[in-house]
Amino acid sequence: MKTQILKILTASLLLALSFSFAQTLSGTFEGADASHQGSGSFQLVEEDGERFIELSEDFSSTRGPDLFVWIVNGDNVEERVNLGRLQSANGAQRYTLPEDVNLDDFDRIIIWCRLFRVLFSTAEFEQAAN
């Protein structure tokens, strides 16, 4: 009986450890071309049951009118998740990720000029262990 309890406790501990070392999502921004640049990184943050996309303190984007932060799959900007207007061309910022968004359906975050339909920068999703 003690052996069974020990096995159950060991299995429970291993399961708990596997969750604490879950994959996290992040990426690094790159400019679209010589005129439209981006740098810095983002990461997915979960806090109090909500998910956020956080741009790093070293985030930087070429300034432009009507810039938005979108989640897309490949080059398809028609099917997107609009996280909102870019808060600042530089520095840390946070965007709420809607509950119903399945990130498995997407592969990158982009900074997009809605007015002129121009890509400014892209950060492809990277999976990393905590």
N, C-alpha and C. Protein backbone atom coordinates (compact mmCIF):
# COMPACT_ATOMS: atom_id res chain seq x y z
N MET A 1 0.82 -1.19 0.00
CA MET A 1 0.00 0.00 0.00
C MET A 1 0.87 1.26 0.00
N LYS A 2 1.93 1.26 0.82
CA LYS A 2 2.81 2.43 0.87
C LYS A 2 3.49 2.65 -0.48
N THR A 3 3.82 1.55 -1.16
CA THR A 3 4.46 1.66 -2.47
C THR A 3 3.53 2.32 -3.48
N GLN A 4 2.25 1.96 -3.45
CA GLN A 4 1.27 2.56 -4.37
C GLN A 4 1.11 4.05 -4.09
N ILE A 5 1.02 4.40 -2.82
CA ILE A 5 0.88 5.80 -2.47
C ILE A 5 2.11 6.59 -2.92
N LEU A 6 3.29 6.01 -2.70
CA LEU A 6 4.52 6.66 -3.13
C LEU A 6 4.55 6.85 -4.65
N LYS A 7 4.11 5.84 -5.41
CA LYS A 7 4.06 5.95 -6.87
C LYS A 7 3.09 7.04 -7.31
N ILE A 8 1.94 7.13 -6.65
CA ILE A 8 0.94 8.15 -7.00
C ILE A 8 1.49 9.54 -6.69
N LEU A 9 2.11 9.70 -5.53
CA LEU A 9 2.69 10.99 -5.17
C LEU A 9 3.81 11.39 -6.13
N THR A 10 4.64 10.43 -6.52
CA THR A 10 5.73 10.70 -7.46
C THR A 10 5.17 11.13 -8.81
N ALA A 11 4.15 10.41 -9.29
CA ALA A 11 3.53 10.76 -10.57
C ALA A 11 2.90 12.15 -10.51
N SER A 12 2.26 12.48 -9.40
CA SER A 12 1.65 13.80 -9.24
C SER A 12 2.70 14.90 -9.24
N LEU A 13 3.80 14.65 -8.56
CA LEU A 13 4.89 15.63 -8.52
C LEU A 13 5.48 15.84 -9.91
N LEU A 14 5.70 14.76 -10.64
CA LEU A 14 6.25 14.88 -11.99
C LEU A 14 5.30 15.64 -12.91
N LEU A 15 4.01 15.39 -12.76
CA LEU A 15 3.02 16.11 -13.57
C LEU A 15 3.05 17.61 -13.24
N ALA A 16 3.12 17.94 -11.96
CA ALA A 16 3.17 19.34 -11.55
C ALA A 16 4.43 20.01 -12.09
N LEU A 17 5.55 19.32 -12.04
CA LEU A 17 6.80 19.89 -12.56
C LEU A 17 6.72 20.10 -14.06
N SER A 18 6.08 19.19 -14.77
CA SER A 18 5.98 19.34 -16.22
C SER A 18 5.17 20.58 -16.58
N PHE A 19 4.15 20.91 -15.79
CA PHE A 19 3.38 22.12 -16.05
C PHE A 19 4.19 23.37 -15.76
N SER A 20 5.04 23.33 -14.74
CA SER A 20 5.82 24.51 -14.41
C SER A 20 6.91 24.77 -15.44
N PHE A 21 7.25 23.77 -16.23
CA PHE A 21 8.23 23.96 -17.29
C PHE A 21 7.56 23.97 -18.66
N ALA A 22 6.33 24.48 -18.69
CA ALA A 22 5.56 24.52 -19.94
C ALA A 22 6.25 25.43 -20.96
N GLN A 23 5.84 25.25 -22.19
CA GLN A 23 6.37 26.08 -23.27
C GLN A 23 5.81 27.49 -23.16
N THR A 24 6.64 28.46 -23.46
CA THR A 24 6.18 29.84 -23.54
C THR A 24 6.41 30.34 -24.96
N LEU A 25 5.65 31.33 -25.32
CA LEU A 25 5.71 31.86 -26.67
C LEU A 25 6.43 33.20 -26.64
N SER A 26 7.34 33.38 -27.58
CA SER A 26 8.06 34.64 -27.69
C SER A 26 8.49 34.83 -29.14
N GLY A 27 9.14 35.93 -29.43
CA GLY A 27 9.64 36.18 -30.77
C GLY A 27 10.41 37.48 -30.82
N THR A 28 11.12 37.68 -31.93
CA THR A 28 11.95 38.86 -32.12
C THR A 28 11.51 39.59 -33.38
N PHE A 29 11.31 40.89 -33.26
CA PHE A 29 10.85 41.69 -34.39
C PHE A 29 11.99 41.97 -35.37
N GLU A 30 11.62 41.92 -36.65
CA GLU A 30 12.53 42.27 -37.75
C GLU A 30 11.79 43.21 -38.69
N GLY A 31 12.52 44.14 -39.28
CA GLY A 31 11.91 45.09 -40.20
C GLY A 31 11.45 44.43 -41.48
N ALA A 32 10.44 45.04 -42.11
CA ALA A 32 9.92 44.51 -43.37
C ALA A 32 10.81 44.88 -44.55
N ASP A 33 11.41 46.07 -44.49
CA ASP A 33 12.30 46.53 -45.56
C ASP A 33 13.12 47.70 -45.01
N ALA A 34 13.90 48.34 -45.86
CA ALA A 34 14.80 49.41 -45.41
C ALA A 34 14.05 50.60 -44.81
N SER A 35 12.82 50.84 -45.26
CA SER A 35 12.05 51.99 -44.76
C SER A 35 11.17 51.67 -43.57
N HIS A 36 10.92 50.40 -43.34
CA HIS A 36 9.99 49.97 -42.29
C HIS A 36 10.72 48.99 -41.38
N GLN A 37 11.21 49.50 -40.25
CA GLN A 37 12.04 48.71 -39.37
C GLN A 37 11.34 48.40 -38.05
N GLY A 38 11.78 47.31 -37.44
CA GLY A 38 11.31 46.93 -36.12
C GLY A 38 12.37 46.11 -35.43
N SER A 39 12.46 46.23 -34.12
CA SER A 39 13.41 45.43 -33.35
C SER A 39 12.85 45.24 -31.95
N GLY A 40 13.53 44.42 -31.18
CA GLY A 40 13.04 44.08 -29.85
C GLY A 40 12.30 42.76 -29.89
N SER A 41 11.62 42.45 -28.82
CA SER A 41 10.97 41.14 -28.75
C SER A 41 9.60 41.25 -28.09
N PHE A 42 8.88 40.13 -28.11
CA PHE A 42 7.61 40.02 -27.40
C PHE A 42 7.59 38.69 -26.67
N GLN A 43 6.69 38.58 -25.71
CA GLN A 43 6.44 37.29 -25.10
C GLN A 43 5.00 37.23 -24.64
N LEU A 44 4.48 36.00 -24.58
CA LEU A 44 3.14 35.76 -24.07
C LEU A 44 3.24 35.67 -22.56
N VAL A 45 2.37 36.39 -21.86
CA VAL A 45 2.35 36.39 -20.41
C VAL A 45 0.95 35.98 -19.96
N GLU A 46 0.88 35.08 -18.99
CA GLU A 46 -0.40 34.70 -18.40
C GLU A 46 -0.42 35.18 -16.97
N GLU A 47 -1.50 35.89 -16.62
CA GLU A 47 -1.60 36.51 -15.30
C GLU A 47 -3.06 36.53 -14.87
N ASP A 48 -3.36 35.94 -13.73
CA ASP A 48 -4.73 35.92 -13.19
C ASP A 48 -5.75 35.42 -14.20
N GLY A 49 -5.39 34.39 -14.95
CA GLY A 49 -6.31 33.79 -15.90
C GLY A 49 -6.44 34.52 -17.22
N GLU A 50 -5.72 35.61 -17.39
CA GLU A 50 -5.74 36.35 -18.65
C GLU A 50 -4.40 36.20 -19.37
N ARG A 51 -4.45 36.34 -20.70
CA ARG A 51 -3.22 36.27 -21.51
C ARG A 51 -2.95 37.63 -22.12
N PHE A 52 -1.66 37.97 -22.16
CA PHE A 52 -1.23 39.24 -22.71
C PHE A 52 -0.04 39.02 -23.63
N ILE A 53 0.07 39.86 -24.64
CA ILE A 53 1.28 39.94 -25.44
C ILE A 53 2.02 41.18 -24.94
N GLU A 54 3.25 40.95 -24.47
CA GLU A 54 4.06 42.05 -23.96
C GLU A 54 5.23 42.31 -24.90
N LEU A 55 5.34 43.55 -25.34
CA LEU A 55 6.50 43.96 -26.12
C LEU A 55 7.56 44.41 -25.14
N SER A 56 8.81 44.09 -25.44
CA SER A 56 9.92 44.34 -24.53
C SER A 56 10.27 45.82 -24.42
N GLU A 57 11.04 46.15 -23.40
CA GLU A 57 11.50 47.53 -23.21
C GLU A 57 12.33 48.02 -24.40
N ASP A 58 13.03 47.08 -25.05
CA ASP A 58 13.87 47.48 -26.19
C ASP A 58 13.12 47.42 -27.52
N PHE A 59 11.79 47.26 -27.47
CA PHE A 59 10.99 47.27 -28.70
C PHE A 59 11.11 48.63 -29.37
N SER A 60 11.22 48.61 -30.69
CA SER A 60 11.28 49.84 -31.47
C SER A 60 10.68 49.59 -32.85
N SER A 61 9.95 50.57 -33.34
CA SER A 61 9.35 50.48 -34.68
C SER A 61 9.51 51.83 -35.37
N THR A 62 9.70 51.79 -36.68
CA THR A 62 9.64 53.01 -37.47
C THR A 62 8.27 53.64 -37.21
N ARG A 63 8.25 54.94 -37.05
CA ARG A 63 6.98 55.63 -36.83
C ARG A 63 6.18 55.66 -38.13
N GLY A 64 4.87 55.66 -37.97
CA GLY A 64 3.99 55.72 -39.12
C GLY A 64 2.58 56.00 -38.67
N PRO A 65 1.72 56.36 -39.62
CA PRO A 65 0.32 56.62 -39.26
C PRO A 65 -0.46 55.31 -39.12
N ASP A 66 -1.40 55.29 -38.23
CA ASP A 66 -2.38 54.20 -38.18
C ASP A 66 -1.75 52.82 -37.98
N LEU A 67 -0.75 52.72 -37.08
CA LEU A 67 -0.07 51.44 -36.85
C LEU A 67 -0.84 50.59 -35.84
N PHE A 68 -0.95 49.30 -36.16
CA PHE A 68 -1.66 48.35 -35.32
C PHE A 68 -0.80 47.12 -35.05
N VAL A 69 -1.12 46.44 -33.96
CA VAL A 69 -0.49 45.17 -33.61
C VAL A 69 -1.49 44.07 -33.95
N TRP A 70 -1.09 43.20 -34.88
CA TRP A 70 -1.97 42.12 -35.33
C TRP A 70 -1.27 40.78 -35.15
N ILE A 71 -2.07 39.75 -34.92
CA ILE A 71 -1.59 38.37 -34.95
C ILE A 71 -2.11 37.77 -36.24
N VAL A 72 -1.23 37.18 -37.03
CA VAL A 72 -1.60 36.63 -38.33
C VAL A 72 -0.94 35.27 -38.53
N ASN A 73 -1.32 34.62 -39.61
CA ASN A 73 -0.70 33.38 -40.02
C ASN A 73 -0.07 33.59 -41.39
N GLY A 74 1.25 33.54 -41.45
CA GLY A 74 1.94 33.77 -42.72
C GLY A 74 1.72 35.18 -43.21
N ASP A 75 1.48 35.31 -44.52
CA ASP A 75 1.28 36.62 -45.12
C ASP A 75 -0.19 37.02 -45.20
N ASN A 76 -1.07 36.20 -44.62
CA ASN A 76 -2.50 36.45 -44.71
C ASN A 76 -2.94 37.48 -43.66
N VAL A 77 -3.04 38.74 -44.07
CA VAL A 77 -3.47 39.79 -43.14
C VAL A 77 -4.99 39.94 -43.11
N GLU A 78 -5.69 39.23 -43.98
CA GLU A 78 -7.15 39.32 -43.99
C GLU A 78 -7.76 38.58 -42.80
N GLU A 79 -7.15 37.48 -42.40
CA GLU A 79 -7.60 36.74 -41.22
C GLU A 79 -6.62 37.04 -40.10
N ARG A 80 -7.03 37.93 -39.22
CA ARG A 80 -6.11 38.44 -38.21
C ARG A 80 -6.84 38.62 -36.89
N VAL A 81 -6.03 38.76 -35.84
CA VAL A 81 -6.53 39.18 -34.55
C VAL A 81 -5.93 40.56 -34.30
N ASN A 82 -6.79 41.54 -34.18
CA ASN A 82 -6.36 42.91 -33.96
C ASN A 82 -6.21 43.13 -32.46
N LEU A 83 -4.97 43.30 -31.99
CA LEU A 83 -4.72 43.55 -30.58
C LEU A 83 -4.85 45.02 -30.22
N GLY A 84 -4.94 45.87 -31.24
CA GLY A 84 -5.14 47.29 -30.99
C GLY A 84 -4.09 48.15 -31.65
N ARG A 85 -4.31 49.44 -31.52
CA ARG A 85 -3.38 50.43 -32.06
C ARG A 85 -2.05 50.31 -31.32
N LEU A 86 -0.93 50.44 -32.06
CA LEU A 86 0.39 50.42 -31.44
C LEU A 86 0.44 51.58 -30.44
N GLN A 87 0.71 51.27 -29.18
CA GLN A 87 0.68 52.28 -28.12
C GLN A 87 1.82 53.28 -28.23
N SER A 88 2.98 52.80 -28.68
CA SER A 88 4.15 53.67 -28.79
C SER A 88 5.12 53.04 -29.77
N ALA A 89 5.89 53.86 -30.46
CA ALA A 89 6.89 53.33 -31.38
C ALA A 89 8.10 52.75 -30.65
N ASN A 90 8.19 53.01 -29.35
CA ASN A 90 9.33 52.53 -28.57
C ASN A 90 8.89 52.10 -27.18
N GLY A 91 9.54 51.06 -26.68
CA GLY A 91 9.37 50.69 -25.28
C GLY A 91 8.36 49.61 -25.01
N ALA A 92 8.33 49.24 -23.74
CA ALA A 92 7.46 48.16 -23.27
C ALA A 92 5.99 48.56 -23.39
N GLN A 93 5.18 47.59 -23.76
CA GLN A 93 3.74 47.77 -23.86
C GLN A 93 3.05 46.43 -23.77
N ARG A 94 1.78 46.44 -23.41
CA ARG A 94 1.03 45.20 -23.17
C ARG A 94 -0.31 45.26 -23.88
N TYR A 95 -0.67 44.13 -24.51
CA TYR A 95 -1.93 44.00 -25.24
C TYR A 95 -2.66 42.76 -24.74
N THR A 96 -3.94 42.92 -24.44
CA THR A 96 -4.75 41.79 -23.98
C THR A 96 -5.08 40.87 -25.15
N LEU A 97 -4.87 39.58 -24.93
CA LEU A 97 -5.19 38.57 -25.94
C LEU A 97 -6.60 38.06 -25.65
N PRO A 98 -7.53 38.19 -26.61
CA PRO A 98 -8.90 37.71 -26.38
C PRO A 98 -8.92 36.23 -26.00
N GLU A 99 -9.84 35.87 -25.11
CA GLU A 99 -9.94 34.50 -24.60
C GLU A 99 -10.11 33.46 -25.70
N ASP A 100 -10.88 33.80 -26.72
CA ASP A 100 -11.23 32.81 -27.75
C ASP A 100 -10.15 32.61 -28.81
N VAL A 101 -9.01 33.29 -28.70
CA VAL A 101 -7.95 33.16 -29.70
C VAL A 101 -7.11 31.92 -29.42
N ASN A 102 -7.02 31.05 -30.42
CA ASN A 102 -6.16 29.88 -30.34
C ASN A 102 -4.87 30.21 -31.08
N LEU A 103 -3.80 30.38 -30.34
CA LEU A 103 -2.53 30.79 -30.96
C LEU A 103 -1.95 29.73 -31.88
N ASP A 104 -2.43 28.50 -31.80
CA ASP A 104 -1.99 27.45 -32.72
C ASP A 104 -2.42 27.76 -34.16
N ASP A 105 -3.39 28.66 -34.32
CA ASP A 105 -3.89 29.03 -35.65
C ASP A 105 -3.06 30.15 -36.30
N PHE A 106 -2.07 30.67 -35.59
CA PHE A 106 -1.28 31.80 -36.06
C PHE A 106 0.21 31.52 -35.89
N ASP A 107 1.04 32.31 -36.57
CA ASP A 107 2.48 32.06 -36.45
C ASP A 107 3.33 33.31 -36.28
N ARG A 108 2.69 34.49 -36.15
CA ARG A 108 3.51 35.70 -36.01
C ARG A 108 2.68 36.88 -35.52
N ILE A 109 3.39 37.87 -35.01
CA ILE A 109 2.82 39.17 -34.67
C ILE A 109 3.41 40.17 -35.66
N ILE A 110 2.57 41.06 -36.15
CA ILE A 110 3.06 42.07 -37.08
C ILE A 110 2.67 43.47 -36.61
N ILE A 111 3.45 44.43 -37.03
CA ILE A 111 3.10 45.84 -36.90
C ILE A 111 2.67 46.27 -38.30
N TRP A 112 1.43 46.71 -38.43
CA TRP A 112 0.80 46.94 -39.73
C TRP A 112 0.23 48.34 -39.80
N CYS A 113 0.49 49.03 -40.90
CA CYS A 113 -0.12 50.33 -41.16
C CYS A 113 -1.44 50.09 -41.89
N ARG A 114 -2.53 50.30 -41.17
CA ARG A 114 -3.84 50.02 -41.76
C ARG A 114 -4.18 51.01 -42.87
N LEU A 115 -3.81 52.27 -42.70
CA LEU A 115 -4.14 53.31 -43.68
C LEU A 115 -3.55 53.00 -45.06
N PHE A 116 -2.27 52.65 -45.09
CA PHE A 116 -1.60 52.40 -46.37
C PHE A 116 -1.41 50.92 -46.70
N ARG A 117 -1.91 50.04 -45.80
CA ARG A 117 -1.81 48.58 -46.00
C ARG A 117 -0.34 48.17 -46.21
N VAL A 118 0.51 48.58 -45.25
CA VAL A 118 1.96 48.33 -45.36
C VAL A 118 2.44 47.62 -44.10
N LEU A 119 3.23 46.58 -44.30
CA LEU A 119 3.87 45.85 -43.21
C LEU A 119 5.09 46.64 -42.73
N PHE A 120 5.19 46.85 -41.42
CA PHE A 120 6.35 47.54 -40.85
C PHE A 120 7.34 46.55 -40.25
N SER A 121 6.85 45.58 -39.47
CA SER A 121 7.76 44.58 -38.91
C SER A 121 7.00 43.32 -38.52
N THR A 122 7.78 42.25 -38.34
CA THR A 122 7.25 40.92 -38.06
C THR A 122 8.05 40.26 -36.95
N ALA A 123 7.34 39.51 -36.10
CA ALA A 123 8.00 38.66 -35.10
C ALA A 123 7.36 37.29 -35.16
N GLU A 124 8.10 36.31 -35.67
CA GLU A 124 7.58 34.96 -35.77
C GLU A 124 7.56 34.30 -34.38
N PHE A 125 6.55 33.46 -34.16
CA PHE A 125 6.42 32.75 -32.89
C PHE A 125 7.57 31.77 -32.71
N GLU A 126 8.13 31.76 -31.53
CA GLU A 126 9.15 30.78 -31.14
C GLU A 126 8.69 30.15 -29.83
N GLN A 127 8.78 28.84 -29.73
CA GLN A 127 8.44 28.13 -28.49
C GLN A 127 9.72 27.94 -27.70
N ALA A 128 9.66 28.24 -26.41
CA ALA A 128 10.84 28.06 -25.55
C ALA A 128 10.39 27.52 -24.21
N ALA A 129 11.22 26.70 -23.60
CA ALA A 129 10.92 26.17 -22.27
C ALA A 129 11.14 27.27 -21.24
N ASN A 130 10.31 27.27 -20.21
CA ASN A 130 10.47 28.22 -19.10
C ASN A 130 11.76 27.95 -18.36
